[in-house]
Amino acid sequence: MAHPEASTMRAPEGRGRTMLLVLLFVLVAAAGLSYVKWWPYYHKALIAIANHTIGSSIITGTEAAAPDPSWSAAWNYALAYYKSVWQAAVLGIVLGSLVQVLLPSGWLLRVLGKSSFGSTALGGLAAVPGMMCTCCAAPIAVGLRKKNVSAGAALAFWLGNPLINPATLIFMTFVLSWKFTLLRLVFGLLLTFGVSYWANRLAGDKQIPKNAVDPSVPSERPEGTFAIRWLKAVGSMTLHLVPAYIIAVLALGAVRAWLFPALGEGAAEGILTLIIFAVAGALFVIPTAAEIPVIQTFLSYGIGSGSAAALLITLPAISLPSILMIRKSFSAKVVGFVFAAVVVTGLVSGVIGSLVL
């Protein structure tokens, strides 16, 4: 029979090891985000403030409409897209794999494993410094689900990265207007925290046993060296996520003229246009903050403010590639609910935007 003092001594040791691993993950994430996101976005903010633009539309360039569907259209879009996101995409896979092999399961379950609003809120707040697009945040959300984090917390992290990105909100204020920023913030918060929380009801996550989240019980040490476990996690994520990601980006780049058709002046304000752009925005894939020049370009060619407001929400929130990446980590009901919620929220944003923008 183990002596009572033995368990008393192991508990502080387990807590100390947990905090060390968490701190190491935070340092790796901060270093990667500083290089890929924070420093570049500081310079982009200065450009937005000075020039009231952050570039041309990735969908149409400086033209009113996207090029006709073709292999060339697919290839050119994929090149432009991956040139913009490849560093963040690599960082997303690295962090998604480190979540699985570096962060202790017990600690993650205590912080993000419950189906309460508290865990969902923490997941959403953790997204704020990430500032990733939906596809680059997807591997981390997948990694969190592999560690049995609640559906609400993982979804809040996934949706919060693109929707409540503070850098994007700054760019938006100086390129579009404060009204767009306010609209984005309100509906972004609703999707990140509200829709994610309600998704827990559909997820049907099992109640976590009390002994799994007891802080006095040290996390079990996994088998194998860290290097082997990490390489396996990276290989698995790359094999299961990247092929669908690449194919979907090529396909969407090819048919973007169908998703965002050129419209006459009368059609630019109709309800049908609003629906088309809300659904197209939820399917299409863009880099972080690319919705801003897309909307700016569309507005300059006569698109209605309602359709612009719909794209403001649906274009960054999710995409077909990111849905394909996370689909096995959530039930079909949850994925369908999130897609429908994004489209409906985009439509509501469009209706309000047509009145106030």
Protein backbone atom coordinates (compact mmCIF):
# COMPACT_ATOMS: atom_id res chain seq x y z
CA MET A 1 0.00 0.00 0.00
CA ALA A 2 1.39 3.37 -1.04
CA HIS A 3 2.30 5.75 1.74
CA PRO A 4 -0.02 8.84 1.91
CA GLU A 5 2.99 11.13 1.73
CA ALA A 6 3.94 9.70 -1.68
CA SER A 7 0.79 10.98 -3.38
CA THR A 8 1.18 14.32 -1.58
CA MET A 9 4.69 14.66 -3.03
CA ARG A 10 3.63 13.61 -6.56
CA ALA A 11 0.87 16.22 -6.81
CA PRO A 12 3.16 19.30 -6.68
CA GLU A 13 5.54 17.54 -9.05
CA GLY A 14 2.68 16.91 -11.49
CA ARG A 15 1.48 20.52 -11.27
CA GLY A 16 4.99 21.84 -11.80
CA ARG A 17 5.51 19.67 -14.88
CA THR A 18 2.13 20.74 -16.25
CA MET A 19 2.91 24.44 -15.89
CA LEU A 20 6.31 23.94 -17.49
CA LEU A 21 4.77 22.23 -20.53
CA VAL A 22 2.06 24.88 -20.84
CA LEU A 23 4.67 27.64 -20.61
CA LEU A 24 6.76 25.95 -23.30
CA PHE A 25 3.75 25.76 -25.62
CA VAL A 26 2.94 29.43 -25.00
CA LEU A 27 6.53 30.45 -25.80
CA VAL A 28 6.54 28.46 -29.06
CA ALA A 29 3.16 29.92 -30.05
CA ALA A 30 4.24 33.47 -29.18
CA ALA A 31 7.46 33.15 -31.18
CA GLY A 32 5.63 31.78 -34.22
CA LEU A 33 2.82 34.31 -34.06
CA SER A 34 5.27 37.18 -33.60
CA TYR A 35 7.01 36.26 -36.85
CA VAL A 36 3.96 35.26 -38.90
CA LYS A 37 1.23 37.56 -37.55
CA TRP A 38 1.96 40.23 -34.98
CA TRP A 39 4.95 42.00 -36.56
CA PRO A 40 3.64 41.91 -40.17
CA TYR A 41 0.21 43.11 -39.03
CA TYR A 42 1.77 46.05 -37.19
CA HIS A 43 3.22 47.24 -40.49
CA LYS A 44 -0.02 46.52 -42.35
CA ALA A 45 -1.91 48.61 -39.79
CA LEU A 46 0.35 51.55 -40.55
CA ILE A 47 -0.40 51.12 -44.26
CA ALA A 48 -4.15 50.97 -43.59
CA ILE A 49 -4.01 54.12 -41.49
CA ALA A 50 -1.96 56.04 -44.03
CA ASN A 51 -3.46 54.83 -47.33
CA HIS A 52 -6.93 53.55 -46.36
CA THR A 53 -6.25 50.33 -48.26
CA ILE A 54 -4.44 47.05 -47.64
CA GLY A 55 -4.27 45.84 -51.23
CA SER A 56 -6.46 44.64 -54.07
CA SER A 57 -9.21 42.05 -53.99
CA ILE A 58 -7.87 38.49 -54.09
CA ILE A 59 -11.08 37.41 -55.85
CA THR A 60 -11.20 39.88 -58.74
CA GLY A 61 -8.03 41.95 -58.51
CA THR A 62 -8.95 45.45 -59.69
CA GLU A 63 -11.68 44.20 -62.01
CA ALA A 64 -15.44 44.10 -61.45
CA ALA A 65 -15.67 40.33 -61.90
CA ALA A 66 -13.51 37.25 -61.41
CA PRO A 67 -12.01 35.44 -64.43
CA ASP A 68 -14.04 32.74 -66.16
CA PRO A 69 -13.69 29.21 -64.71
CA SER A 70 -10.53 27.53 -65.99
CA TRP A 71 -7.42 25.71 -64.87
CA SER A 72 -5.54 29.00 -65.15
CA ALA A 73 -8.02 30.68 -62.81
CA ALA A 74 -7.61 27.83 -60.32
CA TRP A 75 -3.82 27.85 -60.47
CA ASN A 76 -3.45 31.63 -60.27
CA TYR A 77 -5.76 31.88 -57.28
CA ALA A 78 -4.04 29.02 -55.47
CA LEU A 79 -0.64 30.66 -55.99
CA ALA A 80 -1.86 34.02 -54.69
CA TYR A 81 -3.64 32.42 -51.75
CA TYR A 82 -0.82 30.13 -50.61
CA LYS A 83 1.76 32.88 -51.06
CA SER A 84 -0.21 34.81 -48.48
CA VAL A 85 -0.98 32.02 -45.99
CA TRP A 86 1.71 29.33 -46.24
CA GLN A 87 3.65 30.47 -43.19
CA ALA A 88 0.50 30.65 -41.06
CA ALA A 89 -0.65 27.29 -42.44
CA VAL A 90 2.63 25.65 -41.40
CA LEU A 91 2.40 27.30 -37.99
CA GLY A 92 -1.17 26.03 -37.62
CA ILE A 93 -0.08 22.44 -38.23
CA VAL A 94 2.89 22.82 -35.88
CA LEU A 95 0.72 24.21 -33.09
CA GLY A 96 -2.06 21.71 -33.77
CA SER A 97 0.42 18.85 -33.38
CA LEU A 98 2.02 20.37 -30.29
CA VAL A 99 -1.40 20.62 -28.65
CA GLN A 100 -1.60 16.84 -28.95
CA VAL A 101 1.87 15.93 -27.70
CA LEU A 102 2.92 18.81 -25.44
CA LEU A 103 -0.12 20.01 -23.48
CA PRO A 104 -1.15 17.64 -20.67
CA SER A 105 -4.60 16.10 -21.20
CA GLY A 106 -5.70 16.67 -17.61
CA TRP A 107 -4.90 20.38 -17.75
CA LEU A 108 -6.69 20.84 -21.09
CA LEU A 109 -9.77 19.03 -19.79
CA ARG A 110 -9.85 21.19 -16.68
CA VAL A 111 -9.61 24.40 -18.72
CA LEU A 112 -11.47 23.63 -21.96
CA GLY A 113 -13.08 20.24 -21.48
CA LYS A 114 -16.42 21.21 -19.97
CA SER A 115 -19.61 21.91 -21.91
CA SER A 116 -20.14 25.05 -19.84
CA PHE A 117 -20.04 28.59 -21.17
CA GLY A 118 -16.83 29.11 -19.22
CA SER A 119 -14.87 26.63 -21.34
CA THR A 120 -16.39 28.09 -24.53
CA ALA A 121 -15.46 31.59 -23.42
CA LEU A 122 -11.87 30.57 -22.69
CA GLY A 123 -11.62 28.93 -26.13
CA GLY A 124 -12.81 32.12 -27.77
CA LEU A 125 -10.49 34.33 -25.75
CA ALA A 126 -7.55 32.09 -26.65
CA ALA A 127 -8.29 32.84 -30.31
CA VAL A 128 -7.79 36.60 -29.97
CA PRO A 129 -3.96 36.64 -30.12
CA GLY A 130 -3.94 33.96 -32.86
CA MET A 131 -5.41 36.18 -35.59
CA MET A 132 -5.42 33.27 -38.06
CA CYS A 133 -7.70 32.65 -41.00
CA THR A 134 -10.23 29.83 -40.70
CA CYS A 135 -8.06 27.27 -42.51
CA CYS A 136 -4.92 28.00 -40.51
CA ALA A 137 -6.85 27.80 -37.23
CA ALA A 138 -8.49 24.51 -38.25
CA PRO A 139 -5.48 22.23 -37.42
CA ILE A 140 -5.35 23.65 -33.91
CA ALA A 141 -9.08 23.08 -33.45
CA VAL A 142 -8.56 19.50 -34.67
CA GLY A 143 -5.71 19.05 -32.21
CA LEU A 144 -7.88 20.34 -29.38
CA ARG A 145 -10.65 17.88 -30.24
CA LYS A 146 -8.15 15.01 -30.34
CA LYS A 147 -7.43 15.89 -26.71
CA ASN A 148 -11.19 15.72 -25.93
CA VAL A 149 -11.67 19.44 -25.52
CA SER A 150 -15.38 20.32 -25.63
CA ALA A 151 -16.96 21.08 -28.99
CA GLY A 152 -17.90 24.57 -27.82
CA ALA A 153 -14.37 25.51 -26.78
CA ALA A 154 -12.81 24.15 -29.98
CA LEU A 155 -15.41 25.86 -32.17
CA ALA A 156 -14.99 29.15 -30.32
CA PHE A 157 -11.27 28.99 -30.97
CA TRP A 158 -11.82 28.13 -34.65
CA LEU A 159 -14.43 30.85 -35.27
CA GLY A 160 -12.84 33.45 -33.04
CA ASN A 161 -9.52 33.51 -34.87
CA PRO A 162 -10.89 35.10 -38.07
CA LEU A 163 -13.98 36.83 -36.67
CA ILE A 164 -12.69 38.77 -33.65
CA ASN A 165 -9.17 39.29 -34.97
CA PRO A 166 -8.11 42.66 -33.47
CA ALA A 167 -5.76 43.45 -36.35
CA THR A 168 -8.54 42.93 -38.91
CA LEU A 169 -10.83 45.20 -36.89
CA ILE A 170 -8.19 47.94 -36.99
CA PHE A 171 -7.66 47.55 -40.74
CA MET A 172 -11.43 47.59 -41.28
CA THR A 173 -11.93 50.81 -39.37
CA PHE A 174 -9.49 52.75 -41.53
CA VAL A 175 -10.24 51.08 -44.89
CA LEU A 176 -14.02 50.69 -44.71
CA SER A 177 -15.57 52.51 -41.74
CA TRP A 178 -16.28 52.19 -38.04
CA LYS A 179 -19.81 51.02 -38.91
CA PHE A 180 -18.42 47.93 -40.65
CA THR A 181 -16.15 47.34 -37.65
CA LEU A 182 -19.01 47.56 -35.17
CA LEU A 183 -21.19 45.25 -37.27
CA ARG A 184 -18.36 42.71 -37.54
CA LEU A 185 -17.59 42.85 -33.83
CA VAL A 186 -21.20 42.33 -32.75
CA PHE A 187 -21.89 39.37 -35.03
CA GLY A 188 -18.38 38.01 -34.59
CA LEU A 189 -18.90 37.82 -30.84
CA LEU A 190 -22.30 36.23 -31.34
CA LEU A 191 -20.88 33.47 -33.54
CA THR A 192 -17.72 32.92 -31.51
CA PHE A 193 -19.33 32.63 -28.10
CA GLY A 194 -23.06 32.13 -28.68
CA VAL A 195 -23.19 29.68 -31.58
CA SER A 196 -20.21 27.74 -30.25
CA TYR A 197 -21.85 27.36 -26.86
CA TRP A 198 -25.13 26.12 -28.34
CA ALA A 199 -23.22 23.66 -30.50
CA ASN A 200 -22.36 21.80 -27.29
CA ARG A 201 -25.98 20.65 -27.08
CA LEU A 202 -25.71 19.02 -30.49
CA ALA A 203 -22.25 17.58 -29.89
CA GLY A 204 -23.38 15.27 -27.11
CA ASP A 205 -19.94 15.26 -25.46
CA LYS A 206 -19.71 12.83 -22.57
CA GLN A 207 -19.39 14.16 -19.06
CA ILE A 208 -15.75 14.19 -17.99
CA PRO A 209 -15.01 11.94 -14.99
CA LYS A 210 -14.05 13.91 -11.90
CA ASN A 211 -10.78 12.04 -11.50
CA ALA A 212 -9.75 13.16 -15.03
CA VAL A 213 -9.81 16.81 -14.02
CA ASP A 214 -8.58 16.49 -10.44
CA PRO A 215 -5.66 18.94 -10.20
CA SER A 216 -4.05 16.83 -7.48
CA VAL A 217 -3.60 13.92 -9.89
CA PRO A 218 -0.58 14.34 -12.20
CA SER A 219 -1.11 13.69 -15.88
CA GLU A 220 0.07 10.33 -17.17
CA ARG A 221 3.36 10.41 -19.00
CA PRO A 222 2.83 9.28 -22.61
CA GLU A 223 4.86 6.47 -24.10
CA GLY A 224 7.69 7.14 -26.56
CA THR A 225 10.01 10.09 -26.97
CA PHE A 226 8.64 13.55 -27.60
CA ALA A 227 10.27 13.74 -31.04
CA ILE A 228 8.65 10.51 -32.26
CA ARG A 229 5.23 11.45 -30.92
CA TRP A 230 5.45 14.93 -32.44
CA LEU A 231 6.56 13.66 -35.86
CA LYS A 232 3.68 11.17 -35.84
CA ALA A 233 1.22 13.95 -35.00
CA VAL A 234 2.62 16.23 -37.73
CA GLY A 235 2.55 13.40 -40.27
CA SER A 236 -1.01 12.43 -39.40
CA MET A 237 -2.28 16.01 -39.62
CA THR A 238 -0.50 16.64 -42.91
CA LEU A 239 -1.81 13.43 -44.45
CA HIS A 240 -5.41 13.91 -43.35
CA LEU A 241 -5.79 17.70 -43.72
CA VAL A 242 -3.53 19.02 -46.46
CA PRO A 243 -4.73 17.10 -49.58
CA ALA A 244 -8.37 18.15 -49.15
CA TYR A 245 -7.19 21.67 -48.36
CA ILE A 246 -5.20 21.97 -51.59
CA ILE A 247 -7.89 20.43 -53.82
CA ALA A 248 -10.66 22.60 -52.36
CA VAL A 249 -8.65 25.82 -52.80
CA LEU A 250 -7.96 24.95 -56.44
CA ALA A 251 -11.63 24.16 -57.07
CA LEU A 252 -12.87 27.35 -55.45
CA GLY A 253 -10.29 29.42 -57.29
CA ALA A 254 -11.50 27.96 -60.57
CA VAL A 255 -15.20 28.67 -60.04
CA ARG A 256 -15.02 31.96 -58.15
CA ALA A 257 -16.70 33.73 -61.08
CA TRP A 258 -19.75 31.52 -60.47
CA LEU A 259 -19.75 32.15 -56.73
CA PHE A 260 -19.39 35.91 -57.12
CA PRO A 261 -21.08 36.75 -60.44
CA ALA A 262 -20.97 40.18 -62.03
CA LEU A 263 -24.33 41.84 -61.38
CA GLY A 264 -26.21 44.63 -63.01
CA GLU A 265 -27.09 47.77 -61.10
CA GLY A 266 -30.63 46.63 -60.35
CA ALA A 267 -29.63 43.21 -59.09
CA ALA A 268 -26.94 44.54 -56.78
CA GLU A 269 -29.49 45.40 -54.07
CA GLY A 270 -31.89 42.44 -54.29
CA ILE A 271 -32.59 39.80 -51.68
CA LEU A 272 -31.43 37.08 -54.08
CA THR A 273 -28.04 38.79 -54.37
CA LEU A 274 -27.84 38.94 -50.60
CA ILE A 275 -28.46 35.19 -50.32
CA ILE A 276 -25.99 34.37 -53.11
CA PHE A 277 -23.20 36.38 -51.51
CA ALA A 278 -23.92 35.09 -47.99
CA VAL A 279 -23.69 31.43 -49.11
CA ALA A 280 -20.75 32.08 -51.44
CA GLY A 281 -18.89 33.82 -48.64
CA ALA A 282 -19.39 30.84 -46.33
CA LEU A 283 -17.94 28.49 -48.97
CA PHE A 284 -15.07 30.57 -50.36
CA VAL A 285 -11.59 30.66 -48.85
CA ILE A 286 -9.48 33.78 -48.27
CA PRO A 287 -6.39 34.78 -46.28
CA THR A 288 -6.68 36.76 -43.06
CA ALA A 289 -8.29 40.20 -43.55
CA ALA A 290 -8.71 39.66 -47.32
CA GLU A 291 -12.43 40.33 -46.94
CA ILE A 292 -11.60 44.02 -46.51
CA PRO A 293 -10.18 44.69 -50.01
CA VAL A 294 -12.76 42.28 -51.47
CA ILE A 295 -15.60 44.34 -50.00
CA GLN A 296 -13.89 47.61 -50.90
CA THR A 297 -13.58 46.50 -54.53
CA PHE A 298 -17.14 45.19 -54.76
CA LEU A 299 -18.50 48.43 -53.29
CA SER A 300 -16.57 50.47 -55.85
CA TYR A 301 -18.31 48.50 -58.63
CA GLY A 302 -21.80 48.96 -57.28
CA ILE A 303 -22.55 46.01 -55.02
CA GLY A 304 -25.16 46.84 -52.40
CA SER A 305 -24.15 47.59 -48.82
CA GLY A 306 -26.33 44.67 -47.67
CA SER A 307 -24.34 42.13 -49.69
CA ALA A 308 -21.12 43.74 -48.49
CA ALA A 309 -22.29 43.37 -44.88
CA ALA A 310 -23.14 39.71 -45.49
CA LEU A 311 -19.64 39.06 -46.85
CA LEU A 312 -18.23 40.88 -43.84
CA ILE A 313 -19.34 37.93 -41.70
CA THR A 314 -19.49 34.84 -43.91
CA LEU A 315 -16.33 35.35 -45.97
CA PRO A 316 -13.82 35.13 -43.10
CA ALA A 317 -15.81 32.94 -40.68
CA ILE A 318 -15.64 29.55 -42.41
CA SER A 319 -14.89 28.06 -45.83
CA LEU A 320 -15.30 24.80 -47.67
CA PRO A 321 -11.61 23.85 -47.18
CA SER A 322 -11.74 24.55 -43.45
CA ILE A 323 -14.98 22.58 -43.10
CA LEU A 324 -13.35 19.63 -44.84
CA MET A 325 -10.43 19.92 -42.43
CA ILE A 326 -12.51 19.86 -39.24
CA ARG A 327 -15.40 17.65 -40.36
CA LYS A 328 -14.12 14.47 -38.66
CA SER A 329 -13.56 16.26 -35.37
CA PHE A 330 -17.22 17.21 -34.96
CA SER A 331 -20.50 15.47 -35.68
CA ALA A 332 -22.32 16.19 -38.93
CA LYS A 333 -25.04 17.91 -36.92
CA VAL A 334 -22.55 20.31 -35.38
CA VAL A 335 -20.86 21.12 -38.69
CA GLY A 336 -24.23 21.67 -40.37
CA PHE A 337 -25.43 23.83 -37.49
CA VAL A 338 -22.34 26.04 -37.64
CA PHE A 339 -22.59 26.43 -41.43
CA ALA A 340 -26.28 27.36 -41.22
CA ALA A 341 -25.63 29.73 -38.32
CA VAL A 342 -22.89 31.53 -40.25
CA VAL A 343 -25.10 31.95 -43.34
CA VAL A 344 -28.11 33.13 -41.32
CA THR A 345 -25.95 35.53 -39.30
CA GLY A 346 -24.53 36.84 -42.57
CA LEU A 347 -28.05 37.41 -43.89
CA VAL A 348 -29.08 39.27 -40.75
CA SER A 349 -25.91 41.34 -40.97
CA GLY A 350 -26.77 42.06 -44.60
CA VAL A 351 -30.27 43.25 -43.76
CA ILE A 352 -28.98 45.52 -41.03
CA GLY A 353 -26.11 46.69 -43.21
CA SER A 354 -28.50 47.69 -46.01
CA LEU A 355 -30.20 50.02 -43.52
CA VAL A 356 -27.26 51.57 -41.70
CA LEU A 357 -24.21 51.45 -43.99
